[in-house]
C-alpha cells in the first residue's frame, strides 16, 4: 500500500467531492485516493485550522500540519499530492522533493514561470522522483479514443479546432493546449489577441491562433471568468463536427445530412449528445500512478510534458502583454 500526503485542503484536494453523493465517481485527489485500496491517506497540510480539521475528519486522515515545514524530517511517505494554489507550488514542490517520495502528483501548472518549473522537473529527475502533473484529460478514455479517430482518419480529415476557455491562459488555457498537443502534435503560434484579465492579475485569458505541423488551424477563444465557467472544444472534420462540452462531461456529435431546401448541399444536424468519460479521469490517474511507481509504467503526463505546455503558455502571455 502506498501512503499519501496531501498539501492544500481546498476544492481540488477533496472539497468538490465532500458535497457530492458517495456513489458518484470522484473529481478530487482525496476522493480518488479514498476509493483506491492500493493507497492510504495518512496526512495533510493546510494553514486554515478549521478547514484542516474538517478535511481530516471527513477523509479519515490521522496527521495534519499548518505548514509543510512543520512536518518532521523523519516523516516518510510514498506519494505527495500538491493541491495548493499555484503561487505556492514552487515552495511546496521543493519541500516535497526534500522528503524524496516515490512520486509527486502536482496540480497544474507546476509554477508561475517556466524557469522555476524547469528547475523542479530537473530536481525530480536527478533524485529519481516521479512527477505526475494533473492535466486531468490525459486520463480520460474519450480523449484517448479521439486521438485514434484523428490518427486513423475515421471521421475524415481534421480541418480545424476551436477551443473556448477562461480564467487564464496558464491556469485553464494550458488544459486546452495540453490536450491539443497530445491529439495533433506540436503547435506553432501564428498570432495573439489582446489580454483579458478576467481572474488573475498576472495570467490573462488570450485569443490565440496556432497551427500544427500537419497544418491544422487552432483558435483559442477566451470568455470571461466573471460570467461563467467555460471549457469547450469544437473539432471540425471533413465529415462532421465533434464538440466536447461541459469540460468533457458530455459530447455532441454533429453529422452531415442532405439539405431538403437546397439540392446538392449538405449541412450539420443538431447532433447526438453522449455522456463523456471525464468523470473516470481521477481514478484512471491513480491507476497510472500506482503502476508507474510499482511497475515502471510511463506516466500519461509527466514533468517534461507539462514543461512543453508551460513554455507555450508563457510565450503566448509575453506576446499578448507586449501589445
C-alpha atoms as a PDB file:
ATOM      1  CA  UNK A   1       0.000   0.000   0.000  1.00  0.00           C
ATOM      2  CA  UNK A   2       1.269   3.474  -0.909  1.00  0.00           C
ATOM      3  CA  UNK A   3       0.990   6.153   1.782  1.00  0.00           C
ATOM      4  CA  UNK A   4      -0.186   9.595   0.658  1.00  0.00           C
ATOM      5  CA  UNK A   5       0.292  13.174   1.917  1.00  0.00           C
ATOM      6  CA  UNK A   6      -1.976  15.922   0.526  1.00  0.00           C
ATOM      7  CA  UNK A   7      -0.727  19.527   0.591  1.00  0.00           C
ATOM      8  CA  UNK A   8      -3.604  22.003   0.465  1.00  0.00           C
ATOM      9  CA  UNK A   9      -7.134  21.054   1.510  1.00  0.00           C
ATOM     10  CA  UNK A  10      -9.266  23.044  -0.921  1.00  0.00           C
ATOM     11  CA  UNK A  11     -11.718  22.068  -3.635  1.00  0.00           C
ATOM     12  CA  UNK A  12      -9.437  20.012  -5.874  1.00  0.00           C
ATOM     13  CA  UNK A  13      -7.903  18.310  -2.833  1.00  0.00           C
ATOM     14  CA  UNK A  14     -11.281  16.999  -1.680  1.00  0.00           C
ATOM     15  CA  UNK A  15     -13.811  19.803  -1.404  1.00  0.00           C
ATOM     16  CA  UNK A  16     -15.657  19.102  -4.652  1.00  0.00           C
ATOM     17  CA  UNK A  17     -16.331  15.521  -3.542  1.00  0.00           C
ATOM     18  CA  UNK A  18     -17.278  16.405   0.033  1.00  0.00           C
ATOM     19  CA  UNK A  19     -20.674  17.687  -1.129  1.00  0.00           C
ATOM     20  CA  UNK A  20     -21.367  15.004  -3.771  1.00  0.00           C
ATOM     21  CA  UNK A  21     -23.065  11.612  -3.262  1.00  0.00           C
ATOM     22  CA  UNK A  22     -20.590   8.872  -2.346  1.00  0.00           C
ATOM     23  CA  UNK A  23     -21.676   6.671  -5.261  1.00  0.00           C
ATOM     24  CA  UNK A  24     -20.539   9.225  -7.866  1.00  0.00           C
ATOM     25  CA  UNK A  25     -17.081   9.000  -9.400  1.00  0.00           C
ATOM     26  CA  UNK A  26     -14.539  11.291  -7.671  1.00  0.00           C
ATOM     27  CA  UNK A  27     -13.218  14.550  -9.096  1.00  0.00           C
ATOM     28  CA  UNK A  28     -10.604  15.173  -6.387  1.00  0.00           C
ATOM     29  CA  UNK A  29      -7.359  13.765  -5.026  1.00  0.00           C
ATOM     30  CA  UNK A  30      -8.764  12.682  -1.663  1.00  0.00           C
ATOM     31  CA  UNK A  31     -11.937  11.385  -3.278  1.00  0.00           C
ATOM     32  CA  UNK A  32      -9.912   9.163  -5.616  1.00  0.00           C
ATOM     33  CA  UNK A  33      -7.287   8.056  -3.082  1.00  0.00           C
ATOM     34  CA  UNK A  34     -10.011   7.075  -0.609  1.00  0.00           C
ATOM     35  CA  UNK A  35     -11.632   4.831  -3.263  1.00  0.00           C
ATOM     36  CA  UNK A  36      -8.443   3.018  -4.268  1.00  0.00           C
ATOM     37  CA  UNK A  37      -7.364   0.404  -1.718  1.00  0.00           C
ATOM     38  CA  UNK A  38      -3.802   0.482  -3.058  1.00  0.00           C
ATOM     39  CA  UNK A  39      -3.383   3.915  -1.418  1.00  0.00           C
ATOM     40  CA  UNK A  40      -3.848   5.228   2.130  1.00  0.00           C
ATOM     41  CA  UNK A  41      -4.314   8.889   3.029  1.00  0.00           C
ATOM     42  CA  UNK A  42      -2.107   9.385   6.078  1.00  0.00           C
ATOM     43  CA  UNK A  43      -1.501  13.136   6.370  1.00  0.00           C
ATOM     44  CA  UNK A  44      -2.381  16.591   5.079  1.00  0.00           C
ATOM     45  CA  UNK A  45      -1.142  20.188   5.195  1.00  0.00           C
ATOM     46  CA  UNK A  46      -3.460  23.201   5.394  1.00  0.00           C
ATOM     47  CA  UNK A  47      -2.879  26.584   7.111  1.00  0.00           C
ATOM     48  CA  UNK A  48      -6.581  27.096   7.896  1.00  0.00           C
ATOM     49  CA  UNK A  49      -7.085  25.091  11.084  1.00  0.00           C
ATOM     50  CA  UNK A  50     -10.848  24.669  10.748  1.00  0.00           C
ATOM     51  CA  UNK A  51     -10.541  23.578   7.125  1.00  0.00           C
ATOM     52  CA  UNK A  52      -7.711  21.184   8.022  1.00  0.00           C
ATOM     53  CA  UNK A  53      -9.631  19.623  10.907  1.00  0.00           C
ATOM     54  CA  UNK A  54     -12.738  19.153   8.778  1.00  0.00           C
ATOM     55  CA  UNK A  55     -10.673  17.663   5.942  1.00  0.00           C
ATOM     56  CA  UNK A  56      -9.017  15.212   8.339  1.00  0.00           C
ATOM     57  CA  UNK A  57     -12.360  14.258   9.840  1.00  0.00           C
ATOM     58  CA  UNK A  58     -14.161  13.794   6.525  1.00  0.00           C
ATOM     59  CA  UNK A  59     -11.380  11.792   4.837  1.00  0.00           C
ATOM     60  CA  UNK A  60     -10.275   9.946   7.988  1.00  0.00           C
ATOM     61  CA  UNK A  61      -6.706  11.308   7.973  1.00  0.00           C
ATOM     62  CA  UNK A  62      -4.576  10.776  11.072  1.00  0.00           C
ATOM     63  CA  UNK A  63      -1.982  13.572  10.880  1.00  0.00           C
ATOM     64  CA  UNK A  64      -2.144  17.214   9.829  1.00  0.00           C
ATOM     65  CA  UNK A  65       0.027  20.325   9.913  1.00  0.00           C
ATOM     66  CA  UNK A  66      -0.463  24.009   9.206  1.00  0.00           C
ATOM     67  CA  UNK A  67       2.675  24.230   7.070  1.00  0.00           C
ATOM     68  CA  UNK A  68       4.771  21.686   5.207  1.00  0.00           C
ATOM     69  CA  UNK A  69       7.861  22.953   7.057  1.00  0.00           C
ATOM     70  CA  UNK A  70       6.357  21.627  10.318  1.00  0.00           C
ATOM     71  CA  UNK A  71       6.450  18.006   9.152  1.00  0.00           C
ATOM     72  CA  UNK A  72       9.195  16.043  10.979  1.00  0.00           C
ATOM     73  CA  UNK A  73      12.234  15.334   8.789  1.00  0.00           C
ATOM     74  CA  UNK A  74      11.914  11.625   9.552  1.00  0.00           C
ATOM     75  CA  UNK A  75       8.417  11.561   8.048  1.00  0.00           C
ATOM     76  CA  UNK A  76       8.176   9.022   5.229  1.00  0.00           C
ATOM     77  CA  UNK A  77       5.533   8.900   2.551  1.00  0.00           C
ATOM     78  CA  UNK A  78       5.278   7.322  -0.905  1.00  0.00           C
ATOM     79  CA  UNK A  79       3.116   9.861  -2.758  1.00  0.00           C
ATOM     80  CA  UNK A  80       2.708  13.604  -2.183  1.00  0.00           C
ATOM     81  CA  UNK A  81      -0.200  15.433  -3.824  1.00  0.00           C
ATOM     82  CA  UNK A  82       0.315  19.178  -4.279  1.00  0.00           C
ATOM     83  CA  UNK A  83      -3.163  20.760  -4.293  1.00  0.00           C
ATOM     84  CA  UNK A  84      -2.286  24.237  -3.017  1.00  0.00           C
ATOM     85  CA  UNK A  85      -2.795  27.450  -5.063  1.00  0.00           C
ATOM     86  CA  UNK A  86      -0.317  27.890  -7.936  1.00  0.00           C
ATOM     87  CA  UNK A  87       1.620  30.674  -6.190  1.00  0.00           C
ATOM     88  CA  UNK A  88       2.698  28.155  -3.516  1.00  0.00           C
ATOM     89  CA  UNK A  89       3.658  25.336  -5.892  1.00  0.00           C
ATOM     90  CA  UNK A  90       7.364  26.138  -6.028  1.00  0.00           C
ATOM     91  CA  UNK A  91       7.650  26.292  -2.239  1.00  0.00           C
ATOM     92  CA  UNK A  92       5.626  23.125  -1.723  1.00  0.00           C
ATOM     93  CA  UNK A  93       7.283  21.175  -4.513  1.00  0.00           C
ATOM     94  CA  UNK A  94      10.736  21.980  -3.145  1.00  0.00           C
ATOM     95  CA  UNK A  95       9.656  20.839   0.317  1.00  0.00           C
ATOM     96  CA  UNK A  96       8.059  17.710  -1.139  1.00  0.00           C
ATOM     97  CA  UNK A  97      11.231  16.872  -3.065  1.00  0.00           C
ATOM     98  CA  UNK A  98      13.198  17.080   0.198  1.00  0.00           C
ATOM     99  CA  UNK A  99      11.149  14.152   1.565  1.00  0.00           C
ATOM    100  CA  UNK A 100      12.132  12.131  -1.514  1.00  0.00           C
ATOM    101  CA  UNK A 101       8.820  10.339  -2.055  1.00  0.00           C
ATOM    102  CA  UNK A 102       8.435   7.826  -4.857  1.00  0.00           C
ATOM    103  CA  UNK A 103       6.097  10.174  -6.741  1.00  0.00           C
ATOM    104  CA  UNK A 104       4.740  13.721  -6.595  1.00  0.00           C
ATOM    105  CA  UNK A 105       1.293  14.349  -8.081  1.00  0.00           C
ATOM    106  CA  UNK A 106       1.030  18.096  -8.708  1.00  0.00           C
ATOM    107  CA  UNK A 107      -1.857  20.224  -9.858  1.00  0.00           C
ATOM    108  CA  UNK A 108      -1.127  22.274 -12.963  1.00  0.00           C
ATOM    109  CA  UNK A 109       0.740  24.435 -13.619  1.00  0.00           C
ATOM    110  CA  UNK A 110       3.953  23.388 -11.906  1.00  0.00           C
ATOM    111  CA  UNK A 111       4.960  27.015 -11.309  1.00  0.00           C
ATOM    112  CA  UNK A 112       4.142  30.547 -12.398  1.00  0.00           C
ATOM    113  CA  UNK A 113       7.303  30.702 -14.531  1.00  0.00           C
ATOM    114  CA  UNK A 114       8.918  28.248 -16.934  1.00  0.00           C
ATOM    115  CA  UNK A 115      12.368  28.736 -15.387  1.00  0.00           C
ATOM    116  CA  UNK A 116      11.123  27.631 -11.964  1.00  0.00           C
ATOM    117  CA  UNK A 117       9.241  24.692 -13.476  1.00  0.00           C
ATOM    118  CA  UNK A 118      12.367  23.561 -15.337  1.00  0.00           C
ATOM    119  CA  UNK A 119      14.380  23.563 -12.103  1.00  0.00           C
ATOM    120  CA  UNK A 120      11.753  21.493 -10.308  1.00  0.00           C
ATOM    121  CA  UNK A 121      11.495  18.933 -13.098  1.00  0.00           C
ATOM    122  CA  UNK A 122      15.288  18.660 -13.200  1.00  0.00           C
ATOM    123  CA  UNK A 123      15.497  18.126  -9.427  1.00  0.00           C
ATOM    124  CA  UNK A 124      12.934  15.327  -9.567  1.00  0.00           C
ATOM    125  CA  UNK A 125      14.798  13.628 -12.403  1.00  0.00           C
ATOM    126  CA  UNK A 126      18.139  13.852 -10.610  1.00  0.00           C
ATOM    127  CA  UNK A 127      16.681  12.278  -7.461  1.00  0.00           C
ATOM    128  CA  UNK A 128      14.659   9.639  -9.283  1.00  0.00           C
ATOM    129  CA  UNK A 129      11.323  11.066  -8.085  1.00  0.00           C
ATOM    130  CA  UNK A 130       8.448  10.509 -10.488  1.00  0.00           C
ATOM    131  CA  UNK A 131       6.479  13.672 -11.245  1.00  0.00           C
ATOM    132  CA  UNK A 132       2.875  13.460 -12.492  1.00  0.00           C
ATOM    133  CA  UNK A 133       1.053  16.660 -13.467  1.00  0.00           C
ATOM    134  CA  UNK A 134      -2.721  16.729 -13.266  1.00  0.00           C
ATOM    135  CA  UNK A 135      -3.775  17.675 -16.769  1.00  0.00           C
ATOM    136  CA  UNK A 136      -6.796  15.564 -15.981  1.00  0.00           C
ATOM    137  CA  UNK A 137      -7.979  14.778 -19.510  1.00  0.00           C
ATOM    138  CA  UNK A 138      -4.786  12.814 -20.090  1.00  0.00           C
ATOM    139  CA  UNK A 139      -6.602  10.043 -18.229  1.00  0.00           C
ATOM    140  CA  UNK A 140      -9.983  10.498 -19.953  1.00  0.00           C
ATOM    141  CA  UNK A 141     -10.736   7.448 -22.165  1.00  0.00           C
ATOM    142  CA  UNK A 142     -12.722   9.632 -24.593  1.00  0.00           C
ATOM    143  CA  UNK A 143      -9.612  11.696 -25.353  1.00  0.00           C
ATOM    144  CA  UNK A 144      -7.518   8.581 -25.991  1.00  0.00           C
ATOM    145  CA  UNK A 145     -10.253   7.315 -28.350  1.00  0.00           C
ATOM    146  CA  UNK A 146     -10.372  10.690 -30.118  1.00  0.00           C
ATOM    147  CA  UNK A 147      -6.635  10.559 -30.829  1.00  0.00           C
ATOM    148  CA  UNK A 148      -7.169   7.206 -32.534  1.00  0.00           C
ATOM    149  CA  UNK A 149     -10.018   8.713 -34.592  1.00  0.00           C
ATOM    150  CA  UNK A 150      -7.817  11.653 -35.663  1.00  0.00           C
ATOM    151  CA  UNK A 151      -4.802   9.485 -36.459  1.00  0.00           C
ATOM    152  CA  UNK A 152      -6.805   6.920 -38.436  1.00  0.00           C
ATOM    153  CA  UNK A 153      -8.987   9.498 -40.199  1.00  0.00           C
ATOM    154  CA  UNK A 154     -12.207   7.627 -39.439  1.00  0.00           C
ATOM    155  CA  UNK A 155     -14.164  10.914 -39.424  1.00  0.00           C
ATOM    156  CA  UNK A 156     -12.304  12.299 -42.412  1.00  0.00           C
ATOM    157  CA  UNK A 157      -9.594  14.945 -42.260  1.00  0.00           C
ATOM    158  CA  UNK A 158      -9.363  17.213 -39.217  1.00  0.00           C
ATOM    159  CA  UNK A 159      -9.765  20.694 -40.717  1.00  0.00           C
ATOM    160  CA  UNK A 160      -9.597  22.940 -37.659  1.00  0.00           C
ATOM    161  CA  UNK A 161     -10.107  23.172 -33.901  1.00  0.00           C
ATOM    162  CA  UNK A 162     -11.779  25.927 -31.880  1.00  0.00           C
ATOM    163  CA  UNK A 163     -11.380  25.873 -28.110  1.00  0.00           C
ATOM    164  CA  UNK A 164     -13.206  28.114 -25.639  1.00  0.00           C
ATOM    165  CA  UNK A 165     -11.854  28.824 -22.153  1.00  0.00           C
ATOM    166  CA  UNK A 166     -11.483  31.472 -19.457  1.00  0.00           C
ATOM    167  CA  UNK A 167      -9.634  32.077 -16.166  1.00  0.00           C
ATOM    168  CA  UNK A 168      -6.146  32.495 -17.605  1.00  0.00           C
ATOM    169  CA  UNK A 169      -4.023  31.076 -20.416  1.00  0.00           C
ATOM    170  CA  UNK A 170      -1.783  29.267 -17.914  1.00  0.00           C
ATOM    171  CA  UNK A 171      -4.425  28.259 -15.374  1.00  0.00           C
ATOM    172  CA  UNK A 172      -7.112  26.963 -17.770  1.00  0.00           C
ATOM    173  CA  UNK A 173      -5.799  27.569 -21.273  1.00  0.00           C
ATOM    174  CA  UNK A 174      -2.962  25.155 -20.537  1.00  0.00           C
ATOM    175  CA  UNK A 175      -5.563  22.362 -20.227  1.00  0.00           C
ATOM    176  CA  UNK A 176      -6.649  23.107 -23.788  1.00  0.00           C
ATOM    177  CA  UNK A 177      -3.097  23.276 -25.082  1.00  0.00           C
ATOM    178  CA  UNK A 178      -2.021  20.094 -23.303  1.00  0.00           C
ATOM    179  CA  UNK A 179      -4.984  18.233 -24.767  1.00  0.00           C
ATOM    180  CA  UNK A 180      -4.371  19.576 -28.291  1.00  0.00           C
ATOM    181  CA  UNK A 181      -0.635  18.870 -28.269  1.00  0.00           C
ATOM    182  CA  UNK A 182      -1.489  15.280 -27.320  1.00  0.00           C
ATOM    183  CA  UNK A 183      -4.117  14.997 -30.064  1.00  0.00           C
ATOM    184  CA  UNK A 184      -2.470  16.769 -33.010  1.00  0.00           C
ATOM    185  CA  UNK A 185       1.171  17.362 -32.058  1.00  0.00           C
ATOM    186  CA  UNK A 186       3.350  20.439 -31.530  1.00  0.00           C
ATOM    187  CA  UNK A 187       1.712  23.815 -32.076  1.00  0.00           C
ATOM    188  CA  UNK A 188       3.192  26.977 -33.576  1.00  0.00           C
ATOM    189  CA  UNK A 189       1.847  30.389 -32.555  1.00  0.00           C
ATOM    190  CA  UNK A 190       0.572  32.411 -35.524  1.00  0.00           C
ATOM    191  CA  UNK A 191      -0.869  35.433 -33.696  1.00  0.00           C
ATOM    192  CA  UNK A 192      -2.284  36.525 -30.345  1.00  0.00           C
ATOM    193  CA  UNK A 193      -5.014  38.982 -29.361  1.00  0.00           C
ATOM    194  CA  UNK A 194      -5.375  41.448 -26.539  1.00  0.00           C
ATOM    195  CA  UNK A 195      -5.097  40.084 -22.973  1.00  0.00           C
ATOM    196  CA  UNK A 196      -8.266  39.800 -20.883  1.00  0.00           C
ATOM    197  CA  UNK A 197      -7.609  39.906 -17.126  1.00  0.00           C
ATOM    198  CA  UNK A 198     -10.713  38.015 -16.048  1.00  0.00           C
ATOM    199  CA  UNK A 199      -9.402  36.374 -12.847  1.00  0.00           C
ATOM    200  CA  UNK A 200      -5.629  36.503 -12.220  1.00  0.00           C
ATOM    201  CA  UNK A 201      -3.542  39.700 -12.223  1.00  0.00           C
ATOM    202  CA  UNK A 202      -0.590  38.002 -13.935  1.00  0.00           C
ATOM    203  CA  UNK A 203      -2.388  35.361 -16.032  1.00  0.00           C
ATOM    204  CA  UNK A 204      -4.705  36.841 -18.662  1.00  0.00           C
ATOM    205  CA  UNK A 205      -7.006  34.915 -20.957  1.00  0.00           C
ATOM    206  CA  UNK A 206      -5.845  35.437 -24.539  1.00  0.00           C
ATOM    207  CA  UNK A 207      -7.222  34.819 -28.006  1.00  0.00           C
ATOM    208  CA  UNK A 208      -4.633  32.769 -29.906  1.00  0.00           C
ATOM    209  CA  UNK A 209      -4.243  31.450 -33.449  1.00  0.00           C
ATOM    210  CA  UNK A 210      -1.961  28.414 -33.733  1.00  0.00           C
ATOM    211  CA  UNK A 211      -1.136  25.754 -36.296  1.00  0.00           C
ATOM    212  CA  UNK A 212       0.020  22.159 -36.029  1.00  0.00           C
ATOM    213  CA  UNK A 213       2.943  20.740 -38.015  1.00  0.00           C
ATOM    214  CA  UNK A 214       0.375  18.995 -40.235  1.00  0.00           C
ATOM    215  CA  UNK A 215      -1.311  22.341 -40.940  1.00  0.00           C
ATOM    216  CA  UNK A 216      -4.382  22.054 -38.695  1.00  0.00           C
ATOM    217  CA  UNK A 217      -5.518  25.536 -37.675  1.00  0.00           C
ATOM    218  CA  UNK A 218      -6.347  26.056 -33.994  1.00  0.00           C
ATOM    219  CA  UNK A 219      -8.131  29.048 -32.466  1.00  0.00           C
ATOM    220  CA  UNK A 220      -8.363  29.514 -28.710  1.00  0.00           C
ATOM    221  CA  UNK A 221     -11.195  31.891 -27.822  1.00  0.00           C
ATOM    222  CA  UNK A 222     -11.424  33.387 -24.317  1.00  0.00           C
ATOM    223  CA  UNK A 223     -14.593  34.090 -22.416  1.00  0.00           C
ATOM    224  CA  UNK A 224     -14.648  35.902 -19.090  1.00  0.00           C
ATOM    225  CA  UNK A 225     -14.440  34.010 -15.799  1.00  0.00           C
ATOM    226  CA  UNK A 226     -16.645  36.643 -14.168  1.00  0.00           C
ATOM    227  CA  UNK A 227     -19.560  35.387 -16.285  1.00  0.00           C
ATOM    228  CA  UNK A 228     -19.476  31.591 -16.054  1.00  0.00           C
ATOM    229  CA  UNK A 229     -17.133  28.603 -16.250  1.00  0.00           C
ATOM    230  CA  UNK A 230     -16.314  27.811 -19.867  1.00  0.00           C
ATOM    231  CA  UNK A 231     -14.290  24.949 -21.332  1.00  0.00           C
ATOM    232  CA  UNK A 232     -15.449  23.627 -24.693  1.00  0.00           C
ATOM    233  CA  UNK A 233     -13.754  22.386 -27.870  1.00  0.00           C
ATOM    234  CA  UNK A 234     -15.083  22.055 -31.434  1.00  0.00           C
ATOM    235  CA  UNK A 235     -13.264  19.579 -33.680  1.00  0.00           C
ATOM    236  CA  UNK A 236     -14.153  20.310 -37.317  1.00  0.00           C
ATOM    237  CA  UNK A 237     -13.705  17.219 -39.515  1.00  0.00           C
ATOM    238  CA  UNK A 238     -14.429  16.861 -43.210  1.00  0.00           C
ATOM    239  CA  UNK A 239     -17.315  14.543 -42.295  1.00  0.00           C
ATOM    240  CA  UNK A 240     -18.833  16.426 -39.367  1.00  0.00           C
ATOM    241  CA  UNK A 241     -18.146  18.270 -36.130  1.00  0.00           C
ATOM    242  CA  UNK A 242     -17.449  16.766 -32.713  1.00  0.00           C
ATOM    243  CA  UNK A 243     -17.964  19.055 -29.716  1.00  0.00           C
ATOM    244  CA  UNK A 244     -16.608  18.485 -26.223  1.00  0.00           C
ATOM    245  CA  UNK A 245     -18.976  20.225 -23.795  1.00  0.00           C
ATOM    246  CA  UNK A 246     -19.176  20.682 -20.001  1.00  0.00           C
ATOM    247  CA  UNK A 247     -15.388  20.303 -19.735  1.00  0.00           C
ATOM    248  CA  UNK A 248     -15.670  16.783 -21.143  1.00  0.00           C
ATOM    249  CA  UNK A 249     -18.666  15.543 -19.171  1.00  0.00           C
ATOM    250  CA  UNK A 250     -20.658  15.429 -22.414  1.00  0.00           C
ATOM    251  CA  UNK A 251     -20.029  15.340 -26.168  1.00  0.00           C
ATOM    252  CA  UNK A 252     -22.139  16.390 -29.144  1.00  0.00           C
ATOM    253  CA  UNK A 253     -21.678  14.548 -32.427  1.00  0.00           C
ATOM    254  CA  UNK A 254     -22.940  16.578 -35.399  1.00  0.00           C
ATOM    255  CA  UNK A 255     -23.191  14.624 -38.649  1.00  0.00           C
ATOM    256  CA  UNK A 256     -23.701  15.624 -42.274  1.00  0.00           C
ATOM    257  CA  UNK A 257     -27.191  15.406 -43.753  1.00  0.00           C
ATOM    258  CA  UNK A 258     -28.589  16.319 -47.161  1.00  0.00           C
ATOM    259  CA  UNK A 259     -30.329  19.668 -47.334  1.00  0.00           C
ATOM    260  CA  UNK A 260     -34.038  19.478 -48.019  1.00  0.00           C
ATOM    261  CA  UNK A 261     -34.108  23.125 -49.074  1.00  0.00           C
ATOM    262  CA  UNK A 262     -31.010  23.417 -51.251  1.00  0.00           C
ATOM    263  CA  UNK A 263     -30.414  20.473 -53.552  1.00  0.00           C
ATOM    264  CA  UNK A 264     -26.845  19.225 -53.675  1.00  0.00           C
ATOM    265  CA  UNK A 265     -25.808  20.827 -50.362  1.00  0.00           C
ATOM    266  CA  UNK A 266     -25.008  19.170 -47.071  1.00  0.00           C
ATOM    267  CA  UNK A 267     -25.223  20.712 -43.619  1.00  0.00           C
ATOM    268  CA  UNK A 268     -24.736  19.726 -39.993  1.00  0.00           C
ATOM    269  CA  UNK A 269     -27.615  18.321 -37.995  1.00  0.00           C
ATOM    270  CA  UNK A 270     -28.315  19.331 -34.381  1.00  0.00           C
ATOM    271  CA  UNK A 271     -26.255  16.385 -33.223  1.00  0.00           C
ATOM    272  CA  UNK A 272     -26.482  13.461 -30.851  1.00  0.00           C
ATOM    273  CA  UNK A 273     -25.493  14.065 -27.235  1.00  0.00           C
ATOM    274  CA  UNK A 274     -23.403  11.449 -25.459  1.00  0.00           C
ATOM    275  CA  UNK A 275     -22.226  11.188 -21.878  1.00  0.00           C
ATOM    276  CA  UNK A 276     -18.487  11.730 -21.579  1.00  0.00           C
ATOM    277  CA  UNK A 277     -15.961   9.672 -19.624  1.00  0.00           C
ATOM    278  CA  UNK A 278     -14.219  12.616 -17.933  1.00  0.00           C
ATOM    279  CA  UNK A 279     -15.525  11.501 -14.525  1.00  0.00           C
ATOM    280  CA  UNK A 280     -13.260   8.438 -14.771  1.00  0.00           C
ATOM    281  CA  UNK A 281     -10.124  10.560 -15.056  1.00  0.00           C
ATOM    282  CA  UNK A 282      -9.009  10.775 -11.416  1.00  0.00           C
ATOM    283  CA  UNK A 283      -9.371   7.059 -10.749  1.00  0.00           C
ATOM    284  CA  UNK A 284      -7.561   6.323 -14.014  1.00  0.00           C
ATOM    285  CA  UNK A 285      -4.815   8.743 -12.965  1.00  0.00           C
ATOM    286  CA  UNK A 286      -4.273   6.823  -9.727  1.00  0.00           C
ATOM    287  CA  UNK A 287      -4.137   3.540 -11.605  1.00  0.00           C
ATOM    288  CA  UNK A 288      -1.457   5.027 -13.864  1.00  0.00           C
ATOM    289  CA  UNK A 289       0.391   6.412 -10.809  1.00  0.00           C
ATOM    290  CA  UNK A 290       0.313   3.068  -8.998  1.00  0.00           C
ATOM    291  CA  UNK A 291       1.704   1.194 -11.994  1.00  0.00           C
ATOM    292  CA  UNK A 292       4.305   3.898 -12.609  1.00  0.00           C
ATOM    293  CA  UNK A 293       5.583   3.525  -9.029  1.00  0.00           C
ATOM    294  CA  UNK A 294       5.324  -0.239  -8.757  1.00  0.00           C
ATOM    295  CA  UNK A 295       5.888  -1.419 -12.322  1.00  0.00           C
ATOM    296  CA  UNK A 296       7.730   1.413 -14.148  1.00  0.00           C
ATOM    297  CA  UNK A 297       4.746   2.176 -16.385  1.00  0.00           C
ATOM    298  CA  UNK A 298       5.113   5.546 -18.177  1.00  0.00           C
ATOM    299  CA  UNK A 299       3.057   8.394 -16.747  1.00  0.00           C
ATOM    300  CA  UNK A 300       0.382   9.839 -19.026  1.00  0.00           C
ATOM    301  CA  UNK A 301       1.516  13.339 -18.026  1.00  0.00           C
ATOM    302  CA  UNK A 302       4.979  13.839 -16.589  1.00  0.00           C
ATOM    303  CA  UNK A 303       7.050  16.912 -15.825  1.00  0.00           C
ATOM    304  CA  UNK A 304       8.618  17.200 -19.277  1.00  0.00           C
ATOM    305  CA  UNK A 305       5.215  17.095 -20.955  1.00  0.00           C
ATOM    306  CA  UNK A 306       3.970  19.815 -18.625  1.00  0.00           C
ATOM    307  CA  UNK A 307       7.044  21.919 -19.415  1.00  0.00           C
ATOM    308  CA  UNK A 308       6.258  21.851 -23.137  1.00  0.00           C
ATOM    309  CA  UNK A 309       2.809  23.296 -22.474  1.00  0.00           C
ATOM    310  CA  UNK A 310       4.104  25.807 -19.910  1.00  0.00           C
ATOM    311  CA  UNK A 311       6.659  27.162 -22.402  1.00  0.00           C
ATOM    312  CA  UNK A 312       3.879  27.647 -24.950  1.00  0.00           C
ATOM    313  CA  UNK A 313       1.660  29.443 -22.410  1.00  0.00           C
ATOM    314  CA  UNK A 314       4.492  31.726 -21.328  1.00  0.00           C
ATOM    315  CA  UNK A 315       5.253  32.629 -24.936  1.00  0.00           C
ATOM    316  CA  UNK A 316       1.574  33.454 -25.566  1.00  0.00           C
ATOM    317  CA  UNK A 317       1.372  35.556 -22.413  1.00  0.00           C
ATOM    318  CA  UNK A 318       4.531  37.533 -23.275  1.00  0.00           C
ATOM    319  CA  UNK A 319       3.297  38.241 -26.798  1.00  0.00           C
ATOM    320  CA  UNK A 320      -0.095  39.381 -25.503  1.00  0.00           C
ATOM    321  CA  UNK A 321       1.391  41.704 -22.874  1.00  0.00           C
ATOM    322  CA  UNK A 322       3.707  43.366 -25.415  1.00  0.00           C
ATOM    323  CA  UNK A 323       0.762  44.822 -27.303  1.00  0.00           C
END
